[in-house]
Amino acid sequence: MIFHNGQINLFSVVFIYLFFWLTSSELGNLLFLAVVSHFGAKLHRPRLISAGCFLMAVGSFLTGLTHFFMGRYTYSTVVQVFQNDSANIAASCVREPGTHMWIYVFLGNALRGIGETPVTPLGISYIDDFSKPENSPFYIACLQTISFLGPMFGFLLGSYCARLYVDIGFVDLESVTITPKDSRWVGAWWMGFMVSSALLLMSSIPFCFLPRSLPVNEELRDKSCPKQTTGNGTNGFLPSLRRLLGTPVYFLLLCGSILKFNSLIGLFTFKAKYMEQQFGQSASRANFLIGVLNLPVVALGIFLGGLLMKRYKLSVVSGVQLSFATSFAAYLLLLLQFGTKCDNIPVAGLTVSYNGLVTEGLSYHSEMLFSECNTHCSCSAEEWDPVCSDSGITFISPCMAGCLSSSGYGKNTVFHNCSCVSVSYPAGSSTSVKLGQCPHTKNCGRSFTSYMAVSVLSSFINSLGITPGFMVIIRCIAPELKSLALGIQTLVTRTLAGIPAPVYFGALIDSTCLKWSFKKCGVRGACRMYDSDMYRCVTVVASCPPGWLWTCEVKDHEQS
């Protein structure tokens, strides 16, 4: 399973994941979303949401359950070459074929996709139906703000799980030679699914006790009761869909959402990975910072956006203008990330030569990994077990460093008599190297602080336009089509933004790889190291949000 071996390149991982996503979670979601959004508004909406939470709980449990049916995770290492006792050190990352665990993943994702269907469209329409027009933006903003507690908690939980070894409790952790910063590290991913399953199960209970409808005064009666609406072609699903898509403003909003969410989803999907590769952060720390910095300011921005609409009673046109201003300002801030960078880590044979000189025109060539100091060692260019010298130069393996002996155990292993180290370091200096990749320079820490400041500010400004965007959709179509309108928007953005964005982002990121891993059979595996400069360029360029352009069109249409 791809959860354990980790030896698949990024594009392949994204493609395989999206295959399961499209054929399981998204298939279940897309098949039911439009229908539930249309007919669910006429049924008991709170109970439908409760049933959805229960299905998501079951789906998460089934997905996490696969960990207990698979064997222990093993990773490729060459440490045993230097140690007599290698019984606890795995030398291969190949798992026996023929596993049927994908069935659990498929079924779990499908149930989560179906369960997710009624939550957003029915929940927002339920609130909007039974609130005053001037209060509705504030209530929806509160709902969206609280909903961000989920992702925030998820990132913090993911940060904690990422620090734990995947087979914690089943293996001797002292024998593990890699750390969370190593590209071969796999965290305890399954724990997050189990915790989420329990929380979803508990959250499904209160919805069962909410009434089908809330008391409303007479001035809201016509707005809040879809069953009282009359008119030809609004009771059937297909006539309602034609009527909805025939609304010019809604159609423009839909097209704009596709463009905007393509950039946002692609950027957010690989944000943690970007922080790992560009600034040397561990997956655990990256997820933690996203959870405690980015998501809270997004929640605050959503709340303030709704508060602004309520306080100043903004019209649809004013809401569109606010969305335009925030999207454009966030785009300009995104460009500042070009200036927040870290140089490539000095890796002998990849980014620098063995004497420490910077390599021009970075690209992967296996012959560049060899030098006179290690030609007698019979090393393999496919190995990746990085070691760090006191000079700050990383070697891709102890063998490539020309090491002859070792001491210590597990993560504390030190290799001695390394002939390649003396090439780049003054005579008489230590010829030993430590297990693990060398850290970034101190200047990189300052660049990372600047990056996070820009990222947080951009997230806050962009989130100010989210609630106005929801209200524009709700106000520009007939009241009886609100649930369907929100459902169709979710369906279209998932299909045309949520699915393709991670694919082409992953392909672009893979194009910047400097060193690939290889399986025993010779098939290319995961990328071990990226070109930092190229990685930053393709990520920022691909993240440019063209979605703000739609706001000009909608504004012009409304004013005309």
Protein backbone atom coordinates (compact mmCIF):
# COMPACT_ATOMS: atom_id res chain seq x y z
CA MET A 1 0.00 0.00 0.00
CA ILE A 2 1.24 3.53 -0.71
CA PHE A 3 0.58 4.43 2.94
CA HIS A 4 3.57 2.34 4.03
CA ASN A 5 6.23 1.89 1.42
CA GLY A 6 6.44 5.56 0.37
CA GLN A 7 8.56 4.61 -2.64
CA ILE A 8 6.49 6.22 -5.36
CA ASN A 9 7.25 9.54 -7.00
CA LEU A 10 5.04 12.48 -6.13
CA PHE A 11 3.13 12.53 -9.39
CA SER A 12 2.40 8.80 -9.08
CA VAL A 13 1.24 9.21 -5.50
CA VAL A 14 -1.08 12.05 -6.49
CA PHE A 15 -2.37 10.13 -9.51
CA ILE A 16 -3.04 6.95 -7.50
CA TYR A 17 -4.62 8.93 -4.68
CA LEU A 18 -6.84 10.86 -7.06
CA PHE A 19 -7.82 7.62 -8.77
CA PHE A 20 -9.16 6.32 -5.46
CA TRP A 21 -10.57 9.77 -4.66
CA LEU A 22 -12.39 10.03 -7.96
CA THR A 23 -13.60 6.42 -8.00
CA SER A 24 -14.51 6.23 -4.32
CA SER A 25 -14.83 9.38 -2.19
CA GLU A 26 -15.56 11.79 -5.04
CA LEU A 27 -17.68 9.27 -6.91
CA GLY A 28 -19.87 8.83 -3.85
CA ASN A 29 -19.96 12.57 -3.29
CA LEU A 30 -20.61 13.59 -6.88
CA LEU A 31 -23.33 11.00 -7.48
CA PHE A 32 -25.36 12.14 -4.50
CA LEU A 33 -24.46 15.82 -4.12
CA ALA A 34 -26.76 17.38 -6.70
CA VAL A 35 -29.69 15.08 -5.88
CA VAL A 36 -29.38 15.51 -2.11
CA SER A 37 -28.99 19.28 -2.51
CA HIS A 38 -32.23 19.46 -4.52
CA PHE A 39 -34.51 16.97 -2.73
CA GLY A 40 -32.90 17.30 0.71
CA ALA A 41 -34.28 20.83 1.11
CA LYS A 42 -37.79 19.31 1.13
CA LEU A 43 -36.91 16.68 3.79
CA HIS A 44 -35.67 16.76 7.40
CA ARG A 45 -32.33 18.48 6.79
CA PRO A 46 -30.82 18.11 10.30
CA ARG A 47 -31.40 14.36 10.28
CA LEU A 48 -29.88 14.04 6.81
CA ILE A 49 -26.80 15.86 8.11
CA SER A 50 -26.71 13.49 11.11
CA ALA A 51 -26.83 10.47 8.82
CA GLY A 52 -24.02 11.99 6.77
CA CYS A 53 -21.81 12.40 9.86
CA PHE A 54 -22.44 8.77 10.80
CA LEU A 55 -21.45 7.55 7.34
CA MET A 56 -18.27 9.64 7.45
CA ALA A 57 -17.43 8.10 10.84
CA VAL A 58 -17.79 4.58 9.45
CA GLY A 59 -15.75 5.47 6.36
CA SER A 60 -12.89 6.95 8.40
CA PHE A 61 -12.82 3.88 10.64
CA LEU A 62 -12.57 1.51 7.67
CA THR A 63 -9.73 3.53 6.13
CA GLY A 64 -7.68 3.56 9.34
CA LEU A 65 -8.39 -0.13 9.90
CA THR A 66 -6.16 -1.08 6.95
CA HIS A 67 -3.03 -0.39 9.01
CA PHE A 68 -3.74 -3.35 11.29
CA PHE A 69 -4.08 -5.78 8.39
CA MET A 70 -0.76 -4.87 6.72
CA GLY A 71 2.76 -5.93 7.59
CA ARG A 72 5.36 -3.74 9.25
CA TYR A 73 6.86 -0.86 7.29
CA THR A 74 10.43 -1.34 6.06
CA TYR A 75 12.75 1.20 4.44
CA SER A 76 15.93 1.05 2.44
CA THR A 77 19.18 1.61 4.38
CA VAL A 78 22.86 0.74 4.04
CA VAL A 79 23.73 1.05 7.73
CA GLN A 80 23.96 -2.72 8.11
CA VAL A 81 27.01 -2.73 5.85
CA PHE A 82 28.95 -1.05 8.65
CA GLN A 83 27.43 -2.96 11.56
CA ASN A 84 27.61 -6.58 12.52
CA ASP A 85 24.20 -6.67 14.16
CA SER A 86 21.70 -5.77 11.46
CA ALA A 87 18.80 -7.94 12.50
CA ASN A 88 16.65 -4.97 13.44
CA ILE A 89 17.49 -2.86 10.38
CA ALA A 90 15.38 -3.36 7.29
CA ALA A 91 17.11 -3.38 3.92
CA SER A 92 14.18 -3.35 1.56
CA CYS A 93 11.06 -1.35 0.94
CA VAL A 94 9.31 -3.94 -1.24
CA ARG A 95 6.07 -5.42 0.06
CA GLU A 96 4.50 -8.64 -1.05
CA PRO A 97 1.97 -8.03 -3.85
CA GLY A 98 -1.60 -9.25 -3.89
CA THR A 99 -2.96 -7.27 -0.93
CA HIS A 100 -6.66 -6.54 -0.91
CA MET A 101 -6.45 -3.61 1.48
CA TRP A 102 -7.47 -1.25 -1.32
CA ILE A 103 -11.02 -2.56 -0.91
CA TYR A 104 -11.21 -1.08 2.60
CA VAL A 105 -9.77 2.20 1.37
CA PHE A 106 -12.20 2.27 -1.56
CA LEU A 107 -15.22 1.54 0.64
CA GLY A 108 -14.09 3.94 3.38
CA ASN A 109 -13.58 6.81 0.94
CA ALA A 110 -16.92 6.10 -0.74
CA LEU A 111 -18.78 6.25 2.57
CA ARG A 112 -17.00 9.45 3.57
CA GLY A 113 -17.84 10.99 0.21
CA ILE A 114 -21.52 10.10 0.49
CA GLY A 115 -21.67 11.26 4.12
CA GLU A 116 -20.13 14.62 3.28
CA THR A 117 -22.81 15.35 0.69
CA PRO A 118 -25.59 16.96 2.78
CA VAL A 119 -23.47 18.94 5.25
CA THR A 120 -22.65 22.20 3.43
CA PRO A 121 -25.60 22.79 1.05
CA LEU A 122 -28.31 21.72 3.48
CA GLY A 123 -26.67 23.32 6.51
CA ILE A 124 -26.21 26.75 4.93
CA SER A 125 -29.68 26.76 3.35
CA TYR A 126 -31.21 25.70 6.71
CA ILE A 127 -29.63 28.69 8.42
CA ASP A 128 -30.49 31.14 5.65
CA ASP A 129 -34.11 30.00 5.44
CA PHE A 130 -34.88 30.83 9.07
CA SER A 131 -32.92 34.02 9.67
CA LYS A 132 -33.45 37.65 8.79
CA PRO A 133 -31.69 38.77 5.58
CA GLU A 134 -29.47 41.20 7.47
CA ASN A 135 -28.44 38.50 9.98
CA SER A 136 -27.87 35.65 7.54
CA PRO A 137 -24.31 36.69 6.48
CA PHE A 138 -23.26 36.91 10.13
CA TYR A 139 -24.69 33.48 10.99
CA ILE A 140 -23.11 31.86 7.95
CA ALA A 141 -19.80 33.55 8.76
CA CYS A 142 -19.98 32.11 12.29
CA LEU A 143 -20.68 28.68 10.82
CA GLN A 144 -17.77 28.90 8.40
CA THR A 145 -15.49 30.18 11.15
CA ILE A 146 -16.34 27.34 13.50
CA SER A 147 -15.99 24.85 10.65
CA PHE A 148 -12.33 25.85 10.37
CA LEU A 149 -11.76 24.45 13.85
CA GLY A 150 -11.97 21.05 12.16
CA PRO A 151 -9.07 21.56 9.71
CA MET A 152 -7.11 23.35 12.43
CA PHE A 153 -7.53 20.42 14.78
CA GLY A 154 -6.79 18.06 11.87
CA PHE A 155 -3.45 19.75 11.12
CA LEU A 156 -2.48 19.70 14.79
CA LEU A 157 -3.47 16.05 15.04
CA GLY A 158 -1.59 15.35 11.82
CA SER A 159 1.44 17.14 13.23
CA TYR A 160 1.38 14.93 16.31
CA CYS A 161 0.85 11.72 14.31
CA ALA A 162 3.61 12.66 11.86
CA ARG A 163 6.12 12.71 14.73
CA LEU A 164 5.18 9.15 15.68
CA TYR A 165 6.63 6.24 13.73
CA VAL A 166 4.00 4.42 11.71
CA ASP A 167 4.47 1.13 13.58
CA ILE A 168 4.70 2.66 17.03
CA GLY A 169 3.94 0.02 19.63
CA PHE A 170 4.89 -2.82 17.29
CA VAL A 171 8.64 -2.26 16.72
CA ASP A 172 11.69 -1.27 18.72
CA LEU A 173 11.96 2.46 18.08
CA GLU A 174 15.63 2.46 19.08
CA SER A 175 16.41 0.39 15.97
CA VAL A 176 14.86 3.00 13.64
CA THR A 177 17.70 4.90 11.95
CA ILE A 178 15.63 7.67 10.30
CA THR A 179 14.01 10.81 11.75
CA PRO A 180 10.82 12.73 10.86
CA LYS A 181 12.91 15.04 8.62
CA ASP A 182 14.03 12.09 6.49
CA SER A 183 12.18 11.61 3.19
CA ARG A 184 11.76 7.92 4.03
CA TRP A 185 9.91 8.60 7.29
CA VAL A 186 6.27 7.50 7.52
CA GLY A 187 4.21 8.78 10.42
CA ALA A 188 1.30 7.13 12.20
CA TRP A 189 -1.26 8.20 9.58
CA TRP A 190 -3.85 5.69 10.76
CA MET A 191 -4.28 7.33 14.18
CA GLY A 192 -5.83 10.44 12.62
CA PHE A 193 -8.55 8.40 10.90
CA MET A 194 -9.44 6.64 14.14
CA VAL A 195 -9.72 9.89 16.12
CA SER A 196 -11.75 11.51 13.32
CA SER A 197 -14.10 8.54 13.27
CA ALA A 198 -14.85 8.91 16.98
CA LEU A 199 -15.42 12.68 16.72
CA LEU A 200 -17.70 12.32 13.70
CA LEU A 201 -19.75 9.71 15.51
CA MET A 202 -20.25 12.01 18.49
CA SER A 203 -21.09 15.00 16.28
CA SER A 204 -23.88 13.10 14.52
CA ILE A 205 -25.94 12.83 17.72
CA PRO A 206 -27.01 16.47 18.33
CA PHE A 207 -28.36 16.90 14.77
CA CYS A 208 -30.99 14.24 15.46
CA PHE A 209 -32.70 16.53 17.98
CA LEU A 210 -32.95 19.65 15.80
CA PRO A 211 -36.43 20.41 14.39
CA ARG A 212 -37.27 20.14 10.73
CA SER A 213 -38.10 23.87 10.65
CA LEU A 214 -37.66 26.82 12.98
CA PRO A 215 -40.28 29.45 13.93
CA VAL A 216 -40.20 32.40 11.54
CA ASN A 217 -42.15 35.62 11.41
CA GLU A 218 -44.43 36.54 8.55
CA GLU A 219 -41.92 38.76 6.74
CA LEU A 220 -39.68 35.72 6.30
CA ARG A 221 -42.42 33.24 5.45
CA ASP A 222 -42.13 33.50 1.70
CA LYS A 223 -38.34 33.42 1.78
CA SER A 224 -37.91 30.52 4.15
CA CYS A 225 -40.41 27.96 2.91
CA PRO A 226 -39.42 26.36 -0.39
CA LYS A 227 -42.42 24.07 -0.29
CA GLN A 228 -44.76 27.04 -0.71
CA THR A 229 -43.11 28.27 -3.88
CA THR A 230 -45.03 27.81 -7.04
CA GLY A 231 -44.02 28.24 -10.58
CA ASN A 232 -43.47 26.06 -13.56
CA GLY A 233 -40.31 24.03 -13.82
CA THR A 234 -39.11 24.36 -10.24
CA ASN A 235 -40.25 21.05 -8.77
CA GLY A 236 -38.20 18.73 -10.98
CA PHE A 237 -34.46 18.30 -10.70
CA LEU A 238 -33.57 18.83 -14.37
CA PRO A 239 -35.86 21.88 -14.84
CA SER A 240 -34.38 23.39 -11.66
CA LEU A 241 -30.87 22.71 -12.91
CA ARG A 242 -31.60 24.36 -16.29
CA ARG A 243 -33.11 27.34 -14.55
CA LEU A 244 -30.11 27.62 -12.23
CA LEU A 245 -27.45 27.40 -14.95
CA GLY A 246 -29.48 29.81 -17.06
CA THR A 247 -28.88 32.55 -14.49
CA PRO A 248 -25.97 34.59 -15.95
CA VAL A 249 -24.64 35.85 -12.62
CA TYR A 250 -24.59 32.36 -11.09
CA PHE A 251 -22.88 30.92 -14.16
CA LEU A 252 -20.14 33.57 -13.96
CA LEU A 253 -19.71 32.86 -10.26
CA LEU A 254 -19.35 29.16 -11.07
CA CYS A 255 -16.65 29.76 -13.69
CA GLY A 256 -14.80 32.08 -11.34
CA SER A 257 -14.90 29.53 -8.55
CA ILE A 258 -13.28 26.94 -10.81
CA LEU A 259 -10.38 29.25 -11.65
CA LYS A 260 -9.89 30.48 -8.11
CA PHE A 261 -10.09 27.11 -6.40
CA ASN A 262 -7.67 25.55 -8.88
CA SER A 263 -4.92 27.76 -7.53
CA LEU A 264 -6.02 27.61 -3.88
CA ILE A 265 -6.44 23.83 -3.76
CA GLY A 266 -3.20 23.17 -5.58
CA LEU A 267 -1.28 25.53 -3.31
CA PHE A 268 -2.86 24.24 -0.11
CA THR A 269 -2.41 20.57 -1.05
CA PHE A 270 1.38 20.93 -1.26
CA LYS A 271 1.86 23.73 1.27
CA ALA A 272 3.32 21.45 3.95
CA LYS A 273 5.56 19.76 1.40
CA TYR A 274 6.72 23.16 0.15
CA MET A 275 7.71 24.11 3.69
CA GLU A 276 9.59 20.83 4.05
CA GLN A 277 11.54 21.04 0.81
CA GLN A 278 12.13 24.79 0.63
CA PHE A 279 12.92 25.54 4.27
CA GLY A 280 13.93 22.18 5.74
CA GLN A 281 10.92 21.89 8.07
CA SER A 282 9.72 18.48 9.19
CA ALA A 283 6.25 17.32 8.14
CA SER A 284 5.19 17.50 11.78
CA ARG A 285 6.31 21.12 12.23
CA ALA A 286 4.86 22.18 8.86
CA ASN A 287 1.43 20.79 9.74
CA PHE A 288 1.63 22.34 13.20
CA LEU A 289 2.39 25.82 11.85
CA ILE A 290 -0.40 25.62 9.27
CA GLY A 291 -2.79 24.57 12.03
CA VAL A 292 -1.88 27.30 14.52
CA LEU A 293 -1.11 30.18 12.14
CA ASN A 294 -2.78 29.93 8.73
CA LEU A 295 -6.12 28.37 9.59
CA PRO A 296 -6.99 30.59 12.60
CA VAL A 297 -6.46 33.77 10.56
CA VAL A 298 -8.59 32.28 7.76
CA ALA A 299 -11.36 31.64 10.30
CA LEU A 300 -10.97 35.19 11.61
CA GLY A 301 -11.12 36.60 8.08
CA ILE A 302 -14.32 34.67 7.29
CA PHE A 303 -15.93 35.92 10.50
CA LEU A 304 -14.93 39.53 9.85
CA GLY A 305 -16.17 39.28 6.25
CA GLY A 306 -19.61 38.31 7.48
CA LEU A 307 -19.49 40.96 10.18
CA LEU A 308 -18.70 43.63 7.57
CA MET A 309 -21.68 42.58 5.45
CA LYS A 310 -23.99 42.72 8.48
CA ARG A 311 -22.57 45.94 9.91
CA TYR A 312 -22.66 47.93 6.67
CA LYS A 313 -25.53 45.97 5.03
CA LEU A 314 -23.52 45.38 1.87
CA SER A 315 -25.46 44.67 -1.33
CA VAL A 316 -24.62 41.95 -3.85
CA VAL A 317 -22.52 44.40 -5.88
CA SER A 318 -20.65 45.54 -2.78
CA GLY A 319 -20.02 41.91 -1.84
CA VAL A 320 -18.55 41.28 -5.28
CA GLN A 321 -16.35 44.36 -4.97
CA LEU A 322 -15.07 43.14 -1.61
CA SER A 323 -14.27 39.72 -3.09
CA PHE A 324 -12.40 41.37 -5.95
CA ALA A 325 -10.33 43.58 -3.67
CA THR A 326 -9.35 40.77 -1.31
CA SER A 327 -8.51 38.29 -4.09
CA PHE A 328 -6.35 40.81 -5.96
CA ALA A 329 -4.52 41.90 -2.80
CA ALA A 330 -3.83 38.26 -1.88
CA TYR A 331 -2.45 37.69 -5.39
CA LEU A 332 -0.01 40.58 -5.02
CA LEU A 333 1.16 39.26 -1.65
CA LEU A 334 1.69 35.83 -3.18
CA LEU A 335 4.27 37.32 -5.53
CA LEU A 336 6.35 38.37 -2.51
CA GLN A 337 7.10 34.69 -1.91
CA PHE A 338 9.60 34.89 -4.78
CA GLY A 339 11.87 36.74 -2.36
CA THR A 340 11.56 34.26 0.52
CA LYS A 341 13.90 31.43 -0.33
CA CYS A 342 16.62 29.11 0.92
CA ASP A 343 19.59 27.94 -1.11
CA ASN A 344 19.99 24.29 -2.01
CA ILE A 345 21.63 22.16 0.69
CA PRO A 346 25.23 21.35 -0.32
CA VAL A 347 25.05 17.71 -1.45
CA ALA A 348 28.21 16.23 -2.94
CA GLY A 349 27.67 15.29 -6.56
CA LEU A 350 24.27 17.00 -6.81
CA THR A 351 24.38 20.67 -5.81
CA VAL A 352 28.12 20.96 -5.14
CA SER A 353 31.20 19.11 -6.27
CA TYR A 354 33.18 16.96 -3.85
CA ASN A 355 35.54 19.86 -3.16
CA GLY A 356 32.59 22.07 -2.14
CA LEU A 357 32.22 24.17 -5.29
CA VAL A 358 28.66 24.95 -6.44
CA THR A 359 27.51 22.88 -9.42
CA GLU A 360 26.28 24.93 -12.37
CA GLY A 361 23.10 23.89 -14.17
CA LEU A 362 21.68 21.45 -11.64
CA SER A 363 20.51 18.14 -13.07
CA TYR A 364 20.79 14.53 -12.11
CA HIS A 365 23.62 12.48 -13.62
CA SER A 366 24.72 9.33 -11.81
CA GLU A 367 28.33 9.80 -12.91
CA MET A 368 28.49 13.13 -11.02
CA LEU A 369 27.96 11.26 -7.74
CA PHE A 370 31.31 9.51 -8.04
CA SER A 371 34.74 10.92 -7.37
CA GLU A 372 38.29 9.63 -6.98
CA CYS A 373 37.73 9.39 -3.24
CA ASN A 374 34.97 6.76 -3.52
CA THR A 375 35.64 4.89 -6.77
CA HIS A 376 37.22 2.01 -4.81
CA CYS A 377 34.11 1.56 -2.63
CA SER A 378 31.79 -0.05 -5.24
CA CYS A 379 28.94 2.28 -4.21
CA SER A 380 25.49 2.34 -5.80
CA ALA A 381 24.21 5.64 -7.18
CA GLU A 382 20.67 4.53 -6.32
CA GLU A 383 21.26 4.52 -2.56
CA TRP A 384 19.89 7.27 -0.35
CA ASP A 385 21.03 7.18 3.25
CA PRO A 386 22.37 10.74 3.72
CA VAL A 387 25.17 11.59 6.11
CA CYS A 388 26.45 15.00 7.21
CA SER A 389 30.03 16.13 7.59
CA ASP A 390 31.32 18.89 9.86
CA SER A 391 31.91 21.03 6.76
CA GLY A 392 28.15 21.15 6.16
CA ILE A 393 28.31 19.02 3.02
CA THR A 394 25.83 16.14 2.76
CA PHE A 395 26.78 12.85 1.10
CA ILE A 396 24.00 10.64 -0.25
CA SER A 397 25.32 7.60 1.64
CA PRO A 398 28.22 6.59 3.92
CA CYS A 399 29.63 4.64 0.99
CA MET A 400 29.68 7.73 -1.22
CA ALA A 401 31.49 9.54 1.59
CA GLY A 402 34.19 6.85 1.44
CA CYS A 403 33.60 5.72 5.04
CA LEU A 404 35.24 2.53 6.31
CA SER A 405 33.78 1.98 9.79
CA SER A 406 31.01 3.07 12.14
CA SER A 407 30.09 3.36 15.80
CA GLY A 408 26.89 3.94 17.71
CA TYR A 409 23.40 2.57 17.12
CA GLY A 410 20.21 3.70 15.41
CA LYS A 411 19.90 7.46 14.89
CA ASN A 412 23.16 8.01 16.80
CA THR A 413 25.31 6.12 14.28
CA VAL A 414 28.57 7.88 13.35
CA PHE A 415 30.78 6.83 10.42
CA HIS A 416 34.56 7.16 10.51
CA ASN A 417 37.59 7.28 8.21
CA CYS A 418 35.61 8.86 5.36
CA SER A 419 38.03 9.62 2.53
CA CYS A 420 35.73 12.06 0.67
CA VAL A 421 35.32 14.32 3.71
CA SER A 422 39.01 15.29 3.72
CA VAL A 423 38.67 16.49 0.10
CA SER A 424 36.38 19.38 1.10
CA TYR A 425 37.78 20.04 4.58
CA PRO A 426 41.19 21.24 5.78
CA ALA A 427 43.81 18.60 6.48
CA GLY A 428 43.83 17.29 10.03
CA SER A 429 40.09 17.87 10.51
CA SER A 430 37.60 15.20 11.49
CA THR A 431 36.90 12.63 8.78
CA SER A 432 33.72 11.41 10.46
CA VAL A 433 30.11 11.97 9.39
CA LYS A 434 26.82 11.73 11.25
CA LEU A 435 23.71 9.93 10.07
CA GLY A 436 21.17 12.30 8.53
CA GLN A 437 21.06 15.22 6.12
CA CYS A 438 22.80 18.50 7.02
CA PRO A 439 20.45 21.29 8.13
CA HIS A 440 19.88 24.53 6.27
CA THR A 441 21.90 27.62 7.17
CA LYS A 442 20.73 30.16 9.78
CA ASN A 443 19.78 32.60 7.03
CA CYS A 444 17.15 30.09 5.93
CA GLY A 445 15.41 30.51 9.29
CA ARG A 446 14.95 34.22 8.67
CA SER A 447 13.60 33.53 5.19
CA PHE A 448 11.13 31.05 6.62
CA THR A 449 9.89 33.63 9.12
CA SER A 450 9.31 36.08 6.26
CA TYR A 451 7.53 33.40 4.24
CA MET A 452 5.16 32.56 7.09
CA ALA A 453 4.39 36.26 7.67
CA VAL A 454 3.48 36.74 4.00
CA SER A 455 1.52 33.48 3.96
CA VAL A 456 -0.52 34.36 7.05
CA LEU A 457 -1.30 37.88 5.81
CA SER A 458 -2.29 36.58 2.37
CA SER A 459 -4.55 33.92 3.91
CA PHE A 460 -6.29 36.51 6.09
CA ILE A 461 -6.93 38.98 3.27
CA ASN A 462 -8.15 36.27 0.90
CA SER A 463 -10.55 34.86 3.51
CA LEU A 464 -12.29 38.22 3.95
CA GLY A 465 -14.08 37.64 0.63
CA ILE A 466 -15.32 34.09 1.34
CA THR A 467 -18.55 34.98 3.17
CA PRO A 468 -19.48 37.72 0.64
CA GLY A 469 -18.94 35.11 -2.08
CA PHE A 470 -21.41 32.76 -0.42
CA MET A 471 -23.95 35.52 0.01
CA VAL A 472 -23.65 36.59 -3.65
CA ILE A 473 -24.55 33.02 -4.69
CA ILE A 474 -27.46 32.88 -2.28
CA ARG A 475 -28.86 36.28 -3.23
CA CYS A 476 -28.51 36.08 -7.02
CA ILE A 477 -30.81 33.06 -7.47
CA ALA A 478 -34.37 32.16 -6.49
CA PRO A 479 -34.83 31.14 -2.81
CA GLU A 480 -36.04 27.63 -3.69
CA LEU A 481 -32.81 26.98 -5.61
CA LYS A 482 -30.40 27.87 -2.80
CA SER A 483 -29.56 24.32 -1.72
CA LEU A 484 -29.16 23.19 -5.32
CA ALA A 485 -27.00 26.22 -6.16
CA LEU A 486 -24.60 25.54 -3.29
CA GLY A 487 -24.54 21.82 -4.11
CA ILE A 488 -23.77 22.41 -7.79
CA GLN A 489 -21.00 24.85 -6.88
CA THR A 490 -19.43 22.27 -4.56
CA LEU A 491 -19.79 19.55 -7.20
CA VAL A 492 -18.25 21.62 -10.01
CA THR A 493 -15.34 22.97 -7.94
CA ARG A 494 -14.54 19.46 -6.68
CA THR A 495 -14.62 18.00 -10.18
CA LEU A 496 -12.89 20.74 -12.17
CA ALA A 497 -10.66 22.21 -9.46
CA GLY A 498 -10.20 19.70 -6.64
CA ILE A 499 -9.23 16.85 -8.96
CA PRO A 500 -6.98 18.38 -11.66
CA ALA A 501 -5.14 20.93 -9.48
CA PRO A 502 -3.17 18.42 -7.36
CA VAL A 503 -2.33 16.44 -10.51
CA TYR A 504 -0.68 19.24 -12.47
CA PHE A 505 0.86 20.74 -9.32
CA GLY A 506 2.42 17.34 -8.56
CA ALA A 507 3.69 16.97 -12.12
CA LEU A 508 5.29 20.43 -12.04
CA ILE A 509 6.92 19.77 -8.68
CA ASP A 510 8.30 16.42 -9.88
CA SER A 511 9.94 18.22 -12.80
CA THR A 512 12.29 19.90 -10.30
CA CYS A 513 13.60 16.65 -8.78
CA LEU A 514 17.38 16.24 -8.53
CA LYS A 515 17.63 12.75 -7.02
CA TRP A 516 15.15 9.90 -7.40
CA SER A 517 15.06 6.71 -5.39
CA PHE A 518 14.83 3.33 -7.09
CA LYS A 519 13.21 0.07 -6.11
CA LYS A 520 14.98 -3.27 -6.24
CA CYS A 521 13.42 -3.95 -9.61
CA GLY A 522 14.91 -0.72 -10.99
CA VAL A 523 11.63 1.21 -11.13
CA ARG A 524 11.90 4.89 -10.20
CA GLY A 525 10.48 5.65 -6.77
CA ALA A 526 10.12 8.79 -4.64
CA CYS A 527 12.05 12.01 -5.11
CA ARG A 528 14.69 12.41 -2.41
CA MET A 529 15.79 15.96 -3.19
CA TYR A 530 14.45 18.89 -5.21
CA ASP A 531 16.07 21.95 -6.78
CA SER A 532 14.91 24.64 -4.32
CA ASP A 533 14.96 27.52 -6.81
CA MET A 534 12.98 25.69 -9.49
CA TYR A 535 10.59 24.27 -6.90
CA ARG A 536 9.80 27.77 -5.63
CA CYS A 537 9.31 29.17 -9.13
CA VAL A 538 6.92 26.50 -10.40
CA THR A 539 4.90 26.57 -7.16
CA VAL A 540 4.43 30.35 -7.06
CA VAL A 541 3.71 30.62 -10.80
CA ALA A 542 1.18 27.77 -10.72
CA SER A 543 -0.49 29.34 -7.66
CA CYS A 544 -1.25 32.67 -9.31
CA PRO A 545 -5.01 32.94 -8.69
CA PRO A 546 -6.71 34.08 -11.91
CA GLY A 547 -10.04 33.64 -10.18
CA TRP A 548 -10.20 37.27 -9.13
CA LEU A 549 -10.96 38.16 -12.76
CA TRP A 550 -14.51 36.85 -12.53
CA THR A 551 -15.44 39.52 -9.98
CA CYS A 552 -15.06 42.25 -12.62
CA GLU A 553 -17.48 40.45 -14.92
CA VAL A 554 -20.05 39.85 -12.20
CA LYS A 555 -19.83 43.46 -11.03
CA ASP A 556 -20.34 44.78 -14.57
CA HIS A 557 -23.29 42.45 -15.08
CA GLU A 558 -24.96 43.49 -11.81
CA GLN A 559 -24.49 47.20 -12.47
CA SER A 560 -25.91 46.88 -15.96
